[in-house]
Amino acid sequence: MNQGLLDAVKMAQLAFDQDNDKDKDDYVLTGETNLMGFSELSDMDRLKQLFEAFSQKQGVIHLLDQCMKADGVQIFIGEESGYRAFDHCSLVTSSYSVDDQVVGVLGVIGPTRMAYEKIIPFVDVTAKLLGAALNPKSKAPL
């Protein structure tokens, strides 16, 4: 199993293991500081707006909820997300399921000029493998 999938499984397990007292509308975010390495996102005001959106959660969760209702990979480029904080970013997501019920969304946020030809299949396959790893009835080999 590659390191990216192991990290995804750990994050999903962390989300499932959280106390029931916490809001069910939550997400696990990692690697956000990697966004600072892209020249398109190096403007401090843009980064500040994006990081504030991550900490406020409401808009991000609304967008991820939309992704949970859709089949397959969802791609939002710039303003397509309808969420101002992502106007200069792209978001590639795919939901994952346990026992045929969608339980989460895995996604990558990056610059609008990201390598879509690499990111799209990575998100798609990782979400499918994550669902298989979390599904106790799964017969699919990892």
C-alpha atoms as a PDB file:
ATOM      1  CA  MET A   1       0.000   0.000   0.000  1.00  0.00           C
ATOM      2  CA  ASN A   2       1.480   3.395  -0.908  1.00  0.00           C
ATOM      3  CA  GLN A   3       2.061   6.133   1.677  1.00  0.00           C
ATOM      4  CA  GLY A   4      -0.731   8.367   0.310  1.00  0.00           C
ATOM      5  CA  LEU A   5      -3.303   5.626   0.802  1.00  0.00           C
ATOM      6  CA  LEU A   6      -1.970   4.823   4.270  1.00  0.00           C
ATOM      7  CA  ASP A   7      -2.323   8.493   5.214  1.00  0.00           C
ATOM      8  CA  ALA A   8      -5.873   8.571   3.801  1.00  0.00           C
ATOM      9  CA  VAL A   9      -6.836   5.461   5.787  1.00  0.00           C
ATOM     10  CA  LYS A  10      -5.359   6.959   8.963  1.00  0.00           C
ATOM     11  CA  MET A  11      -7.289  10.211   8.454  1.00  0.00           C
ATOM     12  CA  ALA A  12     -10.543   8.364   7.795  1.00  0.00           C
ATOM     13  CA  GLN A  13     -10.036   6.153  10.836  1.00  0.00           C
ATOM     14  CA  LEU A  14      -9.319   9.262  12.924  1.00  0.00           C
ATOM     15  CA  ALA A  15     -12.582  10.798  11.729  1.00  0.00           C
ATOM     16  CA  PHE A  16     -14.513   7.623  12.616  1.00  0.00           C
ATOM     17  CA  ASP A  17     -12.813   7.270  16.016  1.00  0.00           C
ATOM     18  CA  GLN A  18     -13.641  10.795  17.229  1.00  0.00           C
ATOM     19  CA  ASP A  19     -15.948  11.136  20.214  1.00  0.00           C
ATOM     20  CA  ASN A  20     -19.674  11.174  19.466  1.00  0.00           C
ATOM     21  CA  ASP A  21     -19.873  14.449  21.411  1.00  0.00           C
ATOM     22  CA  LYS A  22     -18.154  16.279  18.562  1.00  0.00           C
ATOM     23  CA  ASP A  23     -20.060  17.801  15.671  1.00  0.00           C
ATOM     24  CA  LYS A  24     -20.721  15.249  12.979  1.00  0.00           C
ATOM     25  CA  ASP A  25     -20.108  18.016  10.446  1.00  0.00           C
ATOM     26  CA  ASP A  26     -16.327  17.988  10.606  1.00  0.00           C
ATOM     27  CA  TYR A  27     -13.394  17.200   8.406  1.00  0.00           C
ATOM     28  CA  VAL A  28      -9.765  16.228   8.653  1.00  0.00           C
ATOM     29  CA  LEU A  29      -7.350  18.536   6.855  1.00  0.00           C
ATOM     30  CA  THR A  30      -3.688  17.896   6.306  1.00  0.00           C
ATOM     31  CA  GLY A  31      -0.931  19.350   4.162  1.00  0.00           C
ATOM     32  CA  GLU A  32      -2.456  22.819   3.896  1.00  0.00           C
ATOM     33  CA  THR A  33       0.957  24.451   4.268  1.00  0.00           C
ATOM     34  CA  ASN A  34       1.960  22.803   0.961  1.00  0.00           C
ATOM     35  CA  LEU A  35      -0.263  25.393  -0.738  1.00  0.00           C
ATOM     36  CA  MET A  36       2.334  28.050   0.120  1.00  0.00           C
ATOM     37  CA  GLY A  37       4.710  26.487  -2.393  1.00  0.00           C
ATOM     38  CA  PHE A  38       2.586  27.440  -5.419  1.00  0.00           C
ATOM     39  CA  SER A  39       3.225  30.847  -6.960  1.00  0.00           C
ATOM     40  CA  GLU A  40      -0.464  31.241  -7.868  1.00  0.00           C
ATOM     41  CA  LEU A  41      -1.322  31.046  -4.181  1.00  0.00           C
ATOM     42  CA  SER A  42       1.676  32.911  -2.767  1.00  0.00           C
ATOM     43  CA  ASP A  43      -0.269  36.157  -2.291  1.00  0.00           C
ATOM     44  CA  MET A  44      -0.608  36.502   1.480  1.00  0.00           C
ATOM     45  CA  ASP A  45      -4.178  37.824   1.291  1.00  0.00           C
ATOM     46  CA  ARG A  46      -5.258  34.788  -0.758  1.00  0.00           C
ATOM     47  CA  LEU A  47      -3.556  32.384   1.622  1.00  0.00           C
ATOM     48  CA  LYS A  48      -5.035  34.147   4.638  1.00  0.00           C
ATOM     49  CA  GLN A  49      -8.529  33.939   3.124  1.00  0.00           C
ATOM     50  CA  LEU A  50      -8.040  30.251   2.315  1.00  0.00           C
ATOM     51  CA  PHE A  51      -6.670  29.361   5.764  1.00  0.00           C
ATOM     52  CA  GLU A  52      -9.506  31.292   7.436  1.00  0.00           C
ATOM     53  CA  ALA A  53     -11.976  29.267   5.345  1.00  0.00           C
ATOM     54  CA  PHE A  54     -10.328  26.065   6.559  1.00  0.00           C
ATOM     55  CA  SER A  55     -10.637  27.148  10.190  1.00  0.00           C
ATOM     56  CA  GLN A  56     -14.241  28.411   9.882  1.00  0.00           C
ATOM     57  CA  LYS A  57     -15.256  25.124   8.215  1.00  0.00           C
ATOM     58  CA  GLN A  58     -18.871  26.001   7.360  1.00  0.00           C
ATOM     59  CA  GLY A  59     -18.351  26.777   3.654  1.00  0.00           C
ATOM     60  CA  VAL A  60     -15.903  23.931   3.170  1.00  0.00           C
ATOM     61  CA  ILE A  61     -18.289  21.445   4.771  1.00  0.00           C
ATOM     62  CA  HIS A  62     -21.145  22.706   2.594  1.00  0.00           C
ATOM     63  CA  LEU A  63     -19.038  22.116  -0.520  1.00  0.00           C
ATOM     64  CA  LEU A  64     -17.947  18.657   0.665  1.00  0.00           C
ATOM     65  CA  ASP A  65     -21.579  17.772   1.445  1.00  0.00           C
ATOM     66  CA  GLN A  66     -22.425  18.553  -2.190  1.00  0.00           C
ATOM     67  CA  CYS A  67     -19.639  16.196  -3.252  1.00  0.00           C
ATOM     68  CA  MET A  68     -21.049  13.413  -1.069  1.00  0.00           C
ATOM     69  CA  LYS A  69     -24.302  13.576  -3.035  1.00  0.00           C
ATOM     70  CA  ALA A  70     -22.585  13.222  -6.408  1.00  0.00           C
ATOM     71  CA  ASP A  71     -21.218  10.126  -8.105  1.00  0.00           C
ATOM     72  CA  GLY A  72     -17.586   9.828  -9.085  1.00  0.00           C
ATOM     73  CA  VAL A  73     -14.906  12.480  -9.175  1.00  0.00           C
ATOM     74  CA  GLN A  74     -16.008  16.096  -8.826  1.00  0.00           C
ATOM     75  CA  ILE A  75     -13.800  18.918 -10.102  1.00  0.00           C
ATOM     76  CA  PHE A  76     -14.188  22.574  -9.175  1.00  0.00           C
ATOM     77  CA  ILE A  77     -11.850  25.020 -10.899  1.00  0.00           C
ATOM     78  CA  GLY A  78     -11.616  28.509  -9.462  1.00  0.00           C
ATOM     79  CA  GLU A  79     -14.979  30.191  -9.041  1.00  0.00           C
ATOM     80  CA  GLU A  80     -16.887  27.010 -10.057  1.00  0.00           C
ATOM     81  CA  SER A  81     -17.045  25.946  -6.417  1.00  0.00           C
ATOM     82  CA  GLY A  82     -19.263  28.906  -5.616  1.00  0.00           C
ATOM     83  CA  TYR A  83     -17.131  29.467  -2.556  1.00  0.00           C
ATOM     84  CA  ARG A  84     -15.104  32.694  -2.702  1.00  0.00           C
ATOM     85  CA  ALA A  85     -12.183  31.326  -0.686  1.00  0.00           C
ATOM     86  CA  PHE A  86     -11.502  28.826  -3.501  1.00  0.00           C
ATOM     87  CA  ASP A  87     -11.631  31.371  -6.345  1.00  0.00           C
ATOM     88  CA  HIS A  88      -7.910  30.879  -7.026  1.00  0.00           C
ATOM     89  CA  CYS A  89      -7.815  27.144  -6.318  1.00  0.00           C
ATOM     90  CA  SER A  90      -9.066  23.896  -7.722  1.00  0.00           C
ATOM     91  CA  LEU A  91     -10.684  21.125  -5.762  1.00  0.00           C
ATOM     92  CA  VAL A  92     -10.774  17.504  -6.930  1.00  0.00           C
ATOM     93  CA  THR A  93     -12.924  15.203  -4.790  1.00  0.00           C
ATOM     94  CA  SER A  94     -14.428  11.743  -4.715  1.00  0.00           C
ATOM     95  CA  SER A  95     -16.693  10.192  -2.105  1.00  0.00           C
ATOM     96  CA  TYR A  96     -16.033   6.845  -0.440  1.00  0.00           C
ATOM     97  CA  SER A  97     -18.498   4.337   0.945  1.00  0.00           C
ATOM     98  CA  VAL A  98     -18.838   1.716   3.639  1.00  0.00           C
ATOM     99  CA  ASP A  99     -21.564  -0.902   3.249  1.00  0.00           C
ATOM    100  CA  ASP A 100     -22.834   0.911   0.149  1.00  0.00           C
ATOM    101  CA  GLN A 101     -23.402   4.136   2.097  1.00  0.00           C
ATOM    102  CA  VAL A 102     -21.340   7.256   1.388  1.00  0.00           C
ATOM    103  CA  VAL A 103     -19.494   8.141   4.584  1.00  0.00           C
ATOM    104  CA  GLY A 104     -16.963  10.717   3.458  1.00  0.00           C
ATOM    105  CA  VAL A 105     -15.182  12.660   0.782  1.00  0.00           C
ATOM    106  CA  LEU A 106     -11.507  12.622  -0.067  1.00  0.00           C
ATOM    107  CA  GLY A 107     -10.157  15.619  -1.921  1.00  0.00           C
ATOM    108  CA  VAL A 108      -7.136  17.564  -3.083  1.00  0.00           C
ATOM    109  CA  ILE A 109      -6.990  21.353  -3.044  1.00  0.00           C
ATOM    110  CA  GLY A 110      -4.359  22.990  -5.208  1.00  0.00           C
ATOM    111  CA  PRO A 111      -3.680  25.721  -7.719  1.00  0.00           C
ATOM    112  CA  THR A 112      -5.940  26.047 -10.747  1.00  0.00           C
ATOM    113  CA  ARG A 113      -3.021  24.900 -12.917  1.00  0.00           C
ATOM    114  CA  MET A 114      -2.459  21.634 -11.062  1.00  0.00           C
ATOM    115  CA  ALA A 115      -1.587  18.426 -12.918  1.00  0.00           C
ATOM    116  CA  TYR A 116      -5.184  17.223 -13.358  1.00  0.00           C
ATOM    117  CA  GLU A 117      -4.063  14.204 -15.387  1.00  0.00           C
ATOM    118  CA  LYS A 118      -2.281  12.919 -12.260  1.00  0.00           C
ATOM    119  CA  ILE A 119      -4.555  14.231  -9.512  1.00  0.00           C
ATOM    120  CA  ILE A 120      -7.907  12.993 -10.893  1.00  0.00           C
ATOM    121  CA  PRO A 121      -6.951   9.293 -11.099  1.00  0.00           C
ATOM    122  CA  PHE A 122      -5.099   9.544  -7.778  1.00  0.00           C
ATOM    123  CA  VAL A 123      -8.183  10.907  -5.972  1.00  0.00           C
ATOM    124  CA  ASP A 124     -10.491   8.422  -7.718  1.00  0.00           C
ATOM    125  CA  VAL A 125      -8.414   5.335  -6.946  1.00  0.00           C
ATOM    126  CA  THR A 126      -7.519   6.444  -3.418  1.00  0.00           C
ATOM    127  CA  ALA A 127     -11.193   7.029  -2.546  1.00  0.00           C
ATOM    128  CA  LYS A 128     -12.095   3.572  -3.888  1.00  0.00           C
ATOM    129  CA  LEU A 129      -9.257   1.912  -1.991  1.00  0.00           C
ATOM    130  CA  LEU A 130     -10.132   3.841   1.155  1.00  0.00           C
ATOM    131  CA  GLY A 131     -13.728   2.636   0.937  1.00  0.00           C
ATOM    132  CA  ALA A 132     -12.505  -0.925   0.417  1.00  0.00           C
ATOM    133  CA  ALA A 133     -10.108  -0.684   3.369  1.00  0.00           C
ATOM    134  CA  LEU A 134     -12.848   0.642   5.665  1.00  0.00           C
ATOM    135  CA  ASN A 135     -15.495  -1.806   4.476  1.00  0.00           C
ATOM    136  CA  PRO A 136     -15.484  -4.935   6.635  1.00  0.00           C
ATOM    137  CA  LYS A 137     -17.403  -6.850   3.960  1.00  0.00           C
ATOM    138  CA  SER A 138     -15.039  -5.920   1.181  1.00  0.00           C
ATOM    139  CA  LYS A 139     -13.570  -8.793  -0.773  1.00  0.00           C
ATOM    140  CA  ALA A 140     -11.457  -6.533  -2.975  1.00  0.00           C
ATOM    141  CA  PRO A 141      -7.734  -6.923  -2.384  1.00  0.00           C
ATOM    142  CA  LEU A 142      -5.714  -3.828  -1.610  1.00  0.00           C
END
